[in-house]
Amino acid sequence: MQRRTLLKLGMASAAVLALAGGAAALLQPGLERGSLSFAGRGVFAAVAQAVLDKSLPAEPSARQVALDGLLHRIDALVQTLPPHAQSELSQLLSLLASAAGRRTLAGLAQPWAEATVANVQQVLQEMRLSGLALRQQAYAALHDITAGAYFSDPSSWSVLGYPGPPRI
C-alpha cells in the first residue's frame, strides 16, 4: 500500500468515526437538561456496582435502593457543575453508552447492563492503567464521581467505620 493511499484511508476513517460519534451523541446524550439520561444512568449504575462492590448492601432490594440514591446524588452533583464540565461529562457518557465508544474507549464488548461486575472492574482497571491519557481521565471521572456521590451520604459511612464529623 502506498503512503498516500494509507493517509487517505486514515483520514476517511477518522471522518467516519467523528460523524458516527457525533450522531451517537445526538441520539443518546449522556445528560438531558442537567440530569443523567437513561444512557448515562446505565453507565453509572454499572460503574457503581464495580467500584463500590463490597460497599453496597448484599441484599438485592437494599442494593437497588442504594444505587437509586447514588444516581440521585450524581444528578445533584451534575447540576452544580459549570456548563462546560456538564458538556464534557455528557459527551463522555454518550460515548461510553454507544456500542462503538464502549468498545473503543472502555474495551467492553457487551452493553453495560449485561456486563458482570468482574468484567466492569477489569475494564476500569485497564482504563486506569492505560497509556492513553484520555482513558485515564475517563476512568478518574467515573471513579471519582461515583465514589464521591456514594460516600457523601451519611448512611454509607458505617461501611467505612466512619462515625461522622465531630460535633462542635
N, C-alpha and C. Protein backbone atom coordinates (compact mmCIF):
# COMPACT_ATOMS: atom_id res chain seq x y z
N MET A 1 0.86 -1.17 0.00
CA MET A 1 0.00 0.00 0.00
C MET A 1 0.90 1.23 0.00
N GLN A 2 0.57 2.17 -0.83
CA GLN A 2 1.35 3.40 -0.91
C GLN A 2 1.04 4.30 0.27
N ARG A 3 2.00 5.11 0.59
CA ARG A 3 1.86 6.01 1.73
C ARG A 3 0.68 6.95 1.55
N ARG A 4 0.50 7.48 0.37
CA ARG A 4 -0.61 8.41 0.09
C ARG A 4 -1.96 7.71 0.28
N THR A 5 -2.07 6.47 -0.17
CA THR A 5 -3.31 5.69 0.00
C THR A 5 -3.58 5.44 1.47
N LEU A 6 -2.54 5.13 2.22
CA LEU A 6 -2.68 4.90 3.65
C LEU A 6 -3.16 6.16 4.37
N LEU A 7 -2.61 7.31 3.99
CA LEU A 7 -3.03 8.57 4.60
C LEU A 7 -4.48 8.88 4.27
N LYS A 8 -4.90 8.66 3.04
CA LYS A 8 -6.29 8.89 2.63
C LYS A 8 -7.23 7.98 3.43
N LEU A 9 -6.83 6.73 3.56
CA LEU A 9 -7.65 5.78 4.31
C LEU A 9 -7.78 6.21 5.77
N GLY A 10 -6.68 6.67 6.36
CA GLY A 10 -6.70 7.13 7.74
C GLY A 10 -7.60 8.34 7.92
N MET A 11 -7.53 9.30 6.99
CA MET A 11 -8.36 10.50 7.08
C MET A 11 -9.84 10.15 6.89
N ALA A 12 -10.13 9.26 5.96
CA ALA A 12 -11.51 8.86 5.74
C ALA A 12 -12.07 8.12 6.95
N SER A 13 -11.26 7.27 7.55
CA SER A 13 -11.68 6.55 8.75
C SER A 13 -11.95 7.50 9.90
N ALA A 14 -11.08 8.48 10.08
CA ALA A 14 -11.27 9.47 11.15
C ALA A 14 -12.55 10.26 10.94
N ALA A 15 -12.84 10.62 9.69
CA ALA A 15 -14.07 11.37 9.40
C ALA A 15 -15.30 10.53 9.70
N VAL A 16 -15.27 9.26 9.32
CA VAL A 16 -16.41 8.38 9.59
C VAL A 16 -16.62 8.22 11.09
N LEU A 17 -15.53 8.01 11.84
CA LEU A 17 -15.65 7.87 13.28
C LEU A 17 -16.18 9.15 13.93
N ALA A 18 -15.72 10.30 13.46
CA ALA A 18 -16.20 11.57 14.01
C ALA A 18 -17.69 11.75 13.74
N LEU A 19 -18.13 11.43 12.54
CA LEU A 19 -19.55 11.55 12.21
C LEU A 19 -20.38 10.56 13.03
N ALA A 20 -19.90 9.35 13.15
CA ALA A 20 -20.63 8.33 13.92
C ALA A 20 -20.70 8.73 15.39
N GLY A 21 -19.60 9.23 15.93
CA GLY A 21 -19.59 9.68 17.33
C GLY A 21 -20.53 10.84 17.55
N GLY A 22 -20.53 11.78 16.61
CA GLY A 22 -21.45 12.93 16.72
C GLY A 22 -22.90 12.49 16.64
N ALA A 23 -23.19 11.57 15.73
CA ALA A 23 -24.56 11.07 15.61
C ALA A 23 -24.98 10.33 16.87
N ALA A 24 -24.08 9.53 17.42
CA ALA A 24 -24.41 8.81 18.66
C ALA A 24 -24.67 9.79 19.79
N ALA A 25 -23.89 10.86 19.85
CA ALA A 25 -24.08 11.87 20.91
C ALA A 25 -25.44 12.54 20.78
N LEU A 26 -25.89 12.74 19.54
CA LEU A 26 -27.20 13.36 19.34
C LEU A 26 -28.33 12.38 19.67
N LEU A 27 -28.12 11.11 19.40
CA LEU A 27 -29.16 10.12 19.64
C LEU A 27 -29.26 9.72 21.11
N GLN A 28 -28.15 9.63 21.80
CA GLN A 28 -28.11 9.19 23.19
C GLN A 28 -27.27 10.15 24.02
N PRO A 29 -27.80 11.30 24.36
CA PRO A 29 -26.98 12.21 25.17
C PRO A 29 -26.74 11.61 26.55
N GLY A 30 -25.59 11.93 27.13
CA GLY A 30 -25.28 11.44 28.47
C GLY A 30 -26.05 12.18 29.54
N LEU A 31 -26.33 13.45 29.27
CA LEU A 31 -27.11 14.28 30.18
C LEU A 31 -28.25 14.92 29.41
N GLU A 32 -29.37 15.08 30.07
CA GLU A 32 -30.52 15.77 29.49
C GLU A 32 -31.02 16.79 30.51
N ARG A 33 -30.99 18.07 30.13
CA ARG A 33 -31.44 19.16 31.00
C ARG A 33 -30.75 19.12 32.36
N GLY A 34 -29.45 18.84 32.35
CA GLY A 34 -28.66 18.87 33.58
C GLY A 34 -28.78 17.65 34.47
N SER A 35 -29.40 16.59 33.99
CA SER A 35 -29.52 15.35 34.76
C SER A 35 -29.08 14.18 33.89
N LEU A 36 -28.78 13.07 34.54
CA LEU A 36 -28.39 11.88 33.80
C LEU A 36 -29.52 11.41 32.90
N SER A 37 -29.18 11.08 31.67
CA SER A 37 -30.15 10.48 30.76
C SER A 37 -30.26 8.99 31.10
N PHE A 38 -31.15 8.31 30.41
CA PHE A 38 -31.27 6.86 30.60
C PHE A 38 -29.94 6.18 30.32
N ALA A 39 -29.28 6.60 29.23
CA ALA A 39 -27.97 6.02 28.87
C ALA A 39 -26.92 6.32 29.93
N GLY A 40 -26.90 7.55 30.42
CA GLY A 40 -25.94 7.94 31.44
C GLY A 40 -26.16 7.19 32.74
N ARG A 41 -27.43 6.98 33.10
CA ARG A 41 -27.74 6.21 34.31
C ARG A 41 -27.25 4.77 34.18
N GLY A 42 -27.37 4.21 32.99
CA GLY A 42 -26.91 2.84 32.75
C GLY A 42 -25.41 2.70 32.93
N VAL A 43 -24.67 3.68 32.42
CA VAL A 43 -23.21 3.64 32.56
C VAL A 43 -22.84 3.76 34.04
N PHE A 44 -23.42 4.75 34.73
CA PHE A 44 -23.06 4.95 36.13
C PHE A 44 -23.54 3.81 37.02
N ALA A 45 -24.66 3.18 36.71
CA ALA A 45 -25.13 2.04 37.52
C ALA A 45 -24.13 0.89 37.44
N ALA A 46 -23.63 0.61 36.24
CA ALA A 46 -22.66 -0.48 36.07
C ALA A 46 -21.33 -0.13 36.73
N VAL A 47 -20.88 1.11 36.55
CA VAL A 47 -19.62 1.53 37.15
C VAL A 47 -19.72 1.50 38.67
N ALA A 48 -20.86 1.96 39.20
CA ALA A 48 -21.05 1.99 40.66
C ALA A 48 -20.97 0.59 41.25
N GLN A 49 -21.60 -0.38 40.60
CA GLN A 49 -21.56 -1.74 41.13
C GLN A 49 -20.14 -2.31 41.11
N ALA A 50 -19.33 -1.88 40.14
CA ALA A 50 -17.95 -2.35 40.08
C ALA A 50 -17.06 -1.63 41.09
N VAL A 51 -17.19 -0.32 41.18
CA VAL A 51 -16.34 0.47 42.07
C VAL A 51 -16.71 0.23 43.54
N LEU A 52 -17.99 0.11 43.81
CA LEU A 52 -18.48 0.01 45.18
C LEU A 52 -18.88 -1.40 45.56
N ASP A 53 -18.40 -2.37 44.86
CA ASP A 53 -18.84 -3.77 45.00
C ASP A 53 -19.05 -4.22 46.45
N LYS A 54 -18.04 -4.15 47.25
CA LYS A 54 -18.14 -4.64 48.64
C LYS A 54 -18.77 -3.62 49.58
N SER A 55 -18.92 -2.38 49.13
CA SER A 55 -19.51 -1.34 49.97
C SER A 55 -21.03 -1.28 49.85
N LEU A 56 -21.57 -1.79 48.75
CA LEU A 56 -23.02 -1.79 48.56
C LEU A 56 -23.66 -2.91 49.37
N PRO A 57 -24.90 -2.74 49.79
CA PRO A 57 -25.58 -3.82 50.51
C PRO A 57 -25.65 -5.09 49.66
N ALA A 58 -25.57 -6.23 50.30
CA ALA A 58 -25.59 -7.51 49.58
C ALA A 58 -27.01 -7.90 49.17
N GLU A 59 -27.98 -7.54 49.99
CA GLU A 59 -29.38 -7.90 49.71
C GLU A 59 -29.86 -7.12 48.49
N PRO A 60 -30.44 -7.80 47.47
CA PRO A 60 -30.76 -7.15 46.19
C PRO A 60 -31.66 -5.90 46.30
N SER A 61 -32.69 -5.94 47.11
CA SER A 61 -33.57 -4.76 47.16
C SER A 61 -32.86 -3.59 47.85
N ALA A 62 -32.10 -3.86 48.89
CA ALA A 62 -31.34 -2.80 49.56
C ALA A 62 -30.25 -2.27 48.64
N ARG A 63 -29.66 -3.15 47.85
CA ARG A 63 -28.63 -2.73 46.89
C ARG A 63 -29.24 -1.79 45.85
N GLN A 64 -30.44 -2.12 45.37
CA GLN A 64 -31.10 -1.27 44.38
C GLN A 64 -31.46 0.08 44.96
N VAL A 65 -31.91 0.10 46.21
CA VAL A 65 -32.22 1.37 46.88
C VAL A 65 -30.95 2.23 46.99
N ALA A 66 -29.83 1.59 47.34
CA ALA A 66 -28.55 2.31 47.44
C ALA A 66 -28.12 2.86 46.08
N LEU A 67 -28.28 2.06 45.02
CA LEU A 67 -27.92 2.52 43.68
C LEU A 67 -28.82 3.67 43.22
N ASP A 68 -30.12 3.56 43.50
CA ASP A 68 -31.04 4.64 43.13
C ASP A 68 -30.67 5.94 43.85
N GLY A 69 -30.33 5.84 45.13
CA GLY A 69 -29.91 7.01 45.89
C GLY A 69 -28.62 7.60 45.32
N LEU A 70 -27.70 6.72 44.94
CA LEU A 70 -26.45 7.17 44.34
C LEU A 70 -26.71 7.93 43.05
N LEU A 71 -27.56 7.39 42.18
CA LEU A 71 -27.85 8.06 40.92
C LEU A 71 -28.52 9.41 41.16
N HIS A 72 -29.34 9.50 42.18
CA HIS A 72 -29.97 10.78 42.54
C HIS A 72 -28.90 11.78 42.99
N ARG A 73 -27.93 11.34 43.79
CA ARG A 73 -26.86 12.23 44.24
C ARG A 73 -25.94 12.64 43.08
N ILE A 74 -25.74 11.73 42.12
CA ILE A 74 -24.94 12.09 40.94
C ILE A 74 -25.68 13.18 40.15
N ASP A 75 -27.00 13.04 40.03
CA ASP A 75 -27.78 14.10 39.37
C ASP A 75 -27.59 15.44 40.07
N ALA A 76 -27.64 15.43 41.40
CA ALA A 76 -27.46 16.66 42.17
C ALA A 76 -26.06 17.23 41.95
N LEU A 77 -25.05 16.36 41.90
CA LEU A 77 -23.68 16.81 41.65
C LEU A 77 -23.56 17.42 40.27
N VAL A 78 -24.12 16.77 39.27
CA VAL A 78 -24.03 17.24 37.89
C VAL A 78 -24.64 18.63 37.75
N GLN A 79 -25.73 18.87 38.45
CA GLN A 79 -26.40 20.17 38.35
C GLN A 79 -25.57 21.30 38.92
N THR A 80 -24.58 20.99 39.76
CA THR A 80 -23.72 22.03 40.32
C THR A 80 -22.48 22.30 39.46
N LEU A 81 -22.24 21.45 38.47
CA LEU A 81 -21.08 21.63 37.59
C LEU A 81 -21.30 22.80 36.65
N PRO A 82 -20.22 23.48 36.28
CA PRO A 82 -20.36 24.55 35.29
C PRO A 82 -20.76 23.95 33.93
N PRO A 83 -21.35 24.76 33.07
CA PRO A 83 -21.84 24.24 31.78
C PRO A 83 -20.79 23.49 30.96
N HIS A 84 -19.55 23.97 30.93
CA HIS A 84 -18.54 23.27 30.12
C HIS A 84 -18.24 21.89 30.69
N ALA A 85 -18.25 21.74 32.01
CA ALA A 85 -18.00 20.43 32.63
C ALA A 85 -19.19 19.49 32.39
N GLN A 86 -20.40 20.04 32.44
CA GLN A 86 -21.58 19.23 32.13
C GLN A 86 -21.51 18.72 30.69
N SER A 87 -21.08 19.59 29.79
CA SER A 87 -20.97 19.21 28.39
C SER A 87 -19.95 18.09 28.20
N GLU A 88 -18.80 18.22 28.85
CA GLU A 88 -17.76 17.19 28.73
C GLU A 88 -18.23 15.86 29.32
N LEU A 89 -18.90 15.92 30.47
CA LEU A 89 -19.42 14.68 31.08
C LEU A 89 -20.49 14.06 30.19
N SER A 90 -21.33 14.89 29.61
CA SER A 90 -22.37 14.37 28.71
C SER A 90 -21.74 13.68 27.51
N GLN A 91 -20.69 14.27 26.96
CA GLN A 91 -20.00 13.66 25.82
C GLN A 91 -19.37 12.33 26.22
N LEU A 92 -18.75 12.28 27.40
CA LEU A 92 -18.13 11.04 27.86
C LEU A 92 -19.18 9.95 28.03
N LEU A 93 -20.27 10.28 28.71
CA LEU A 93 -21.32 9.28 28.94
C LEU A 93 -21.97 8.84 27.63
N SER A 94 -22.17 9.79 26.73
CA SER A 94 -22.74 9.45 25.43
C SER A 94 -21.83 8.50 24.67
N LEU A 95 -20.55 8.78 24.69
CA LEU A 95 -19.58 7.92 24.02
C LEU A 95 -19.57 6.53 24.65
N LEU A 96 -19.53 6.47 25.97
CA LEU A 96 -19.49 5.17 26.66
C LEU A 96 -20.79 4.39 26.50
N ALA A 97 -21.90 5.08 26.31
CA ALA A 97 -23.19 4.41 26.14
C ALA A 97 -23.35 3.82 24.75
N SER A 98 -22.62 4.36 23.77
CA SER A 98 -22.70 3.82 22.41
C SER A 98 -21.84 2.56 22.31
N ALA A 99 -22.25 1.64 21.45
CA ALA A 99 -21.51 0.38 21.30
C ALA A 99 -20.08 0.64 20.83
N ALA A 100 -19.92 1.51 19.84
CA ALA A 100 -18.57 1.78 19.31
C ALA A 100 -17.69 2.44 20.37
N GLY A 101 -18.23 3.40 21.08
CA GLY A 101 -17.47 4.09 22.11
C GLY A 101 -17.13 3.20 23.29
N ARG A 102 -18.10 2.39 23.67
CA ARG A 102 -17.88 1.46 24.79
C ARG A 102 -16.75 0.49 24.47
N ARG A 103 -16.75 -0.01 23.24
CA ARG A 103 -15.70 -0.95 22.82
C ARG A 103 -14.34 -0.25 22.68
N THR A 104 -14.36 0.94 22.08
CA THR A 104 -13.11 1.64 21.79
C THR A 104 -12.50 2.27 23.04
N LEU A 105 -13.27 3.04 23.78
CA LEU A 105 -12.72 3.76 24.93
C LEU A 105 -12.58 2.87 26.15
N ALA A 106 -13.61 2.08 26.42
CA ALA A 106 -13.59 1.25 27.63
C ALA A 106 -13.07 -0.16 27.36
N GLY A 107 -13.23 -0.65 26.15
CA GLY A 107 -12.81 -2.02 25.86
C GLY A 107 -13.81 -3.05 26.35
N LEU A 108 -15.08 -2.64 26.47
CA LEU A 108 -16.12 -3.54 26.97
C LEU A 108 -16.97 -4.00 25.79
N ALA A 109 -17.05 -5.30 25.57
CA ALA A 109 -17.76 -5.84 24.42
C ALA A 109 -19.28 -5.81 24.61
N GLN A 110 -19.76 -6.22 25.77
CA GLN A 110 -21.20 -6.29 25.99
C GLN A 110 -21.72 -4.97 26.56
N PRO A 111 -23.04 -4.72 26.42
CA PRO A 111 -23.62 -3.50 27.00
C PRO A 111 -23.40 -3.45 28.51
N TRP A 112 -23.37 -2.22 29.04
CA TRP A 112 -23.12 -2.03 30.47
C TRP A 112 -24.07 -2.84 31.34
N ALA A 113 -25.33 -2.87 30.99
CA ALA A 113 -26.33 -3.57 31.80
C ALA A 113 -26.14 -5.08 31.80
N GLU A 114 -25.48 -5.61 30.78
CA GLU A 114 -25.26 -7.05 30.68
C GLU A 114 -23.90 -7.50 31.20
N ALA A 115 -23.01 -6.56 31.43
CA ALA A 115 -21.66 -6.90 31.87
C ALA A 115 -21.68 -7.31 33.34
N THR A 116 -20.84 -8.27 33.68
CA THR A 116 -20.72 -8.68 35.08
C THR A 116 -19.90 -7.64 35.83
N VAL A 117 -20.02 -7.66 37.14
CA VAL A 117 -19.22 -6.75 37.97
C VAL A 117 -17.74 -6.98 37.72
N ALA A 118 -17.34 -8.24 37.60
CA ALA A 118 -15.92 -8.56 37.35
C ALA A 118 -15.46 -7.99 36.01
N ASN A 119 -16.30 -8.07 34.98
CA ASN A 119 -15.93 -7.51 33.67
C ASN A 119 -15.74 -6.01 33.76
N VAL A 120 -16.66 -5.32 34.42
CA VAL A 120 -16.55 -3.87 34.52
C VAL A 120 -15.34 -3.49 35.37
N GLN A 121 -15.07 -4.24 36.43
CA GLN A 121 -13.88 -3.97 37.24
C GLN A 121 -12.62 -4.12 36.41
N GLN A 122 -12.55 -5.15 35.58
CA GLN A 122 -11.39 -5.36 34.73
C GLN A 122 -11.23 -4.22 33.72
N VAL A 123 -12.33 -3.80 33.11
CA VAL A 123 -12.30 -2.70 32.15
C VAL A 123 -11.83 -1.42 32.82
N LEU A 124 -12.36 -1.13 34.01
CA LEU A 124 -11.95 0.08 34.73
C LEU A 124 -10.47 0.03 35.09
N GLN A 125 -10.00 -1.13 35.49
CA GLN A 125 -8.57 -1.27 35.83
C GLN A 125 -7.70 -1.03 34.59
N GLU A 126 -8.13 -1.55 33.45
CA GLU A 126 -7.38 -1.34 32.21
C GLU A 126 -7.38 0.14 31.82
N MET A 127 -8.51 0.82 32.04
CA MET A 127 -8.58 2.26 31.75
C MET A 127 -7.64 3.02 32.69
N ARG A 128 -7.62 2.64 33.94
CA ARG A 128 -6.79 3.32 34.94
C ARG A 128 -5.31 3.19 34.60
N LEU A 129 -4.91 2.03 34.12
CA LEU A 129 -3.50 1.77 33.83
C LEU A 129 -3.12 2.02 32.37
N SER A 130 -4.03 2.52 31.59
CA SER A 130 -3.80 2.72 30.16
C SER A 130 -2.69 3.75 29.92
N GLY A 131 -2.03 3.61 28.80
CA GLY A 131 -1.03 4.58 28.39
C GLY A 131 -1.65 5.81 27.75
N LEU A 132 -2.94 5.75 27.46
CA LEU A 132 -3.63 6.89 26.86
C LEU A 132 -4.23 7.77 27.96
N ALA A 133 -3.88 9.04 27.94
CA ALA A 133 -4.37 9.97 28.95
C ALA A 133 -5.90 10.07 28.92
N LEU A 134 -6.50 9.99 27.74
CA LEU A 134 -7.95 10.08 27.63
C LEU A 134 -8.65 8.96 28.41
N ARG A 135 -8.13 7.76 28.30
CA ARG A 135 -8.73 6.63 29.03
C ARG A 135 -8.52 6.80 30.54
N GLN A 136 -7.36 7.29 30.94
CA GLN A 136 -7.11 7.53 32.37
C GLN A 136 -8.04 8.61 32.92
N GLN A 137 -8.25 9.67 32.15
CA GLN A 137 -9.14 10.75 32.58
C GLN A 137 -10.58 10.27 32.66
N ALA A 138 -11.00 9.45 31.71
CA ALA A 138 -12.35 8.90 31.74
C ALA A 138 -12.54 8.04 32.99
N TYR A 139 -11.54 7.20 33.27
CA TYR A 139 -11.59 6.38 34.49
C TYR A 139 -11.70 7.26 35.73
N ALA A 140 -10.85 8.27 35.82
CA ALA A 140 -10.83 9.14 37.00
C ALA A 140 -12.18 9.82 37.19
N ALA A 141 -12.77 10.30 36.12
CA ALA A 141 -14.08 10.96 36.22
C ALA A 141 -15.13 9.98 36.71
N LEU A 142 -15.20 8.81 36.11
CA LEU A 142 -16.21 7.82 36.51
C LEU A 142 -16.01 7.40 37.96
N HIS A 143 -14.78 7.09 38.33
CA HIS A 143 -14.47 6.62 39.68
C HIS A 143 -14.76 7.70 40.72
N ASP A 144 -14.24 8.90 40.49
CA ASP A 144 -14.37 9.95 41.50
C ASP A 144 -15.80 10.43 41.67
N ILE A 145 -16.54 10.54 40.58
CA ILE A 145 -17.95 10.94 40.69
C ILE A 145 -18.73 9.87 41.44
N THR A 146 -18.49 8.62 41.10
CA THR A 146 -19.21 7.51 41.75
C THR A 146 -18.89 7.44 43.24
N ALA A 147 -17.61 7.39 43.58
CA ALA A 147 -17.22 7.26 44.99
C ALA A 147 -17.62 8.50 45.79
N GLY A 148 -17.40 9.67 45.23
CA GLY A 148 -17.75 10.90 45.94
C GLY A 148 -19.24 11.00 46.22
N ALA A 149 -20.05 10.67 45.22
CA ALA A 149 -21.50 10.75 45.41
C ALA A 149 -21.99 9.68 46.40
N TYR A 150 -21.39 8.50 46.37
CA TYR A 150 -21.84 7.45 47.28
C TYR A 150 -21.46 7.75 48.73
N PHE A 151 -20.21 8.11 48.95
CA PHE A 151 -19.74 8.30 50.31
C PHE A 151 -20.08 9.67 50.89
N SER A 152 -20.75 10.51 50.10
CA SER A 152 -21.25 11.77 50.64
C SER A 152 -22.53 11.55 51.45
N ASP A 153 -23.13 10.39 51.31
CA ASP A 153 -24.36 10.06 52.04
C ASP A 153 -24.00 9.48 53.40
N PRO A 154 -24.48 10.08 54.48
CA PRO A 154 -24.15 9.57 55.82
C PRO A 154 -24.49 8.09 56.04
N SER A 155 -25.47 7.57 55.33
CA SER A 155 -25.82 6.15 55.53
C SER A 155 -24.72 5.21 55.05
N SER A 156 -23.79 5.69 54.23
CA SER A 156 -22.70 4.84 53.75
C SER A 156 -21.49 4.87 54.67
N TRP A 157 -21.46 5.77 55.60
CA TRP A 157 -20.28 5.93 56.44
C TRP A 157 -20.01 4.72 57.34
N SER A 158 -21.04 4.03 57.76
CA SER A 158 -20.85 2.88 58.65
C SER A 158 -20.02 1.78 57.98
N VAL A 159 -20.13 1.67 56.65
CA VAL A 159 -19.35 0.67 55.92
C VAL A 159 -17.86 0.93 56.10
N LEU A 160 -17.50 2.19 56.20
CA LEU A 160 -16.10 2.58 56.35
C LEU A 160 -15.65 2.58 57.81
N GLY A 161 -16.62 2.48 58.71
CA GLY A 161 -16.29 2.61 60.12
C GLY A 161 -16.11 4.07 60.53
N TYR A 162 -16.64 4.97 59.70
CA TYR A 162 -16.53 6.40 59.97
C TYR A 162 -17.74 6.85 60.78
N PRO A 163 -17.53 7.38 61.97
CA PRO A 163 -18.66 7.77 62.82
C PRO A 163 -19.31 9.08 62.39
N GLY A 164 -18.71 9.77 61.48
CA GLY A 164 -19.23 11.08 61.05
C GLY A 164 -18.38 12.20 61.58
N PRO A 165 -18.66 13.39 61.14
CA PRO A 165 -17.85 14.53 61.60
C PRO A 165 -18.05 14.76 63.09
N PRO A 166 -17.02 15.25 63.75
CA PRO A 166 -17.16 15.51 65.20
C PRO A 166 -18.15 16.66 65.44
N ARG A 167 -18.89 16.55 66.51
CA ARG A 167 -19.84 17.61 66.89
C ARG A 167 -19.05 18.75 67.53
N ILE A 168 -19.38 19.93 67.13
CA ILE A 168 -18.68 21.10 67.70
C ILE A 168 -19.61 21.87 68.60
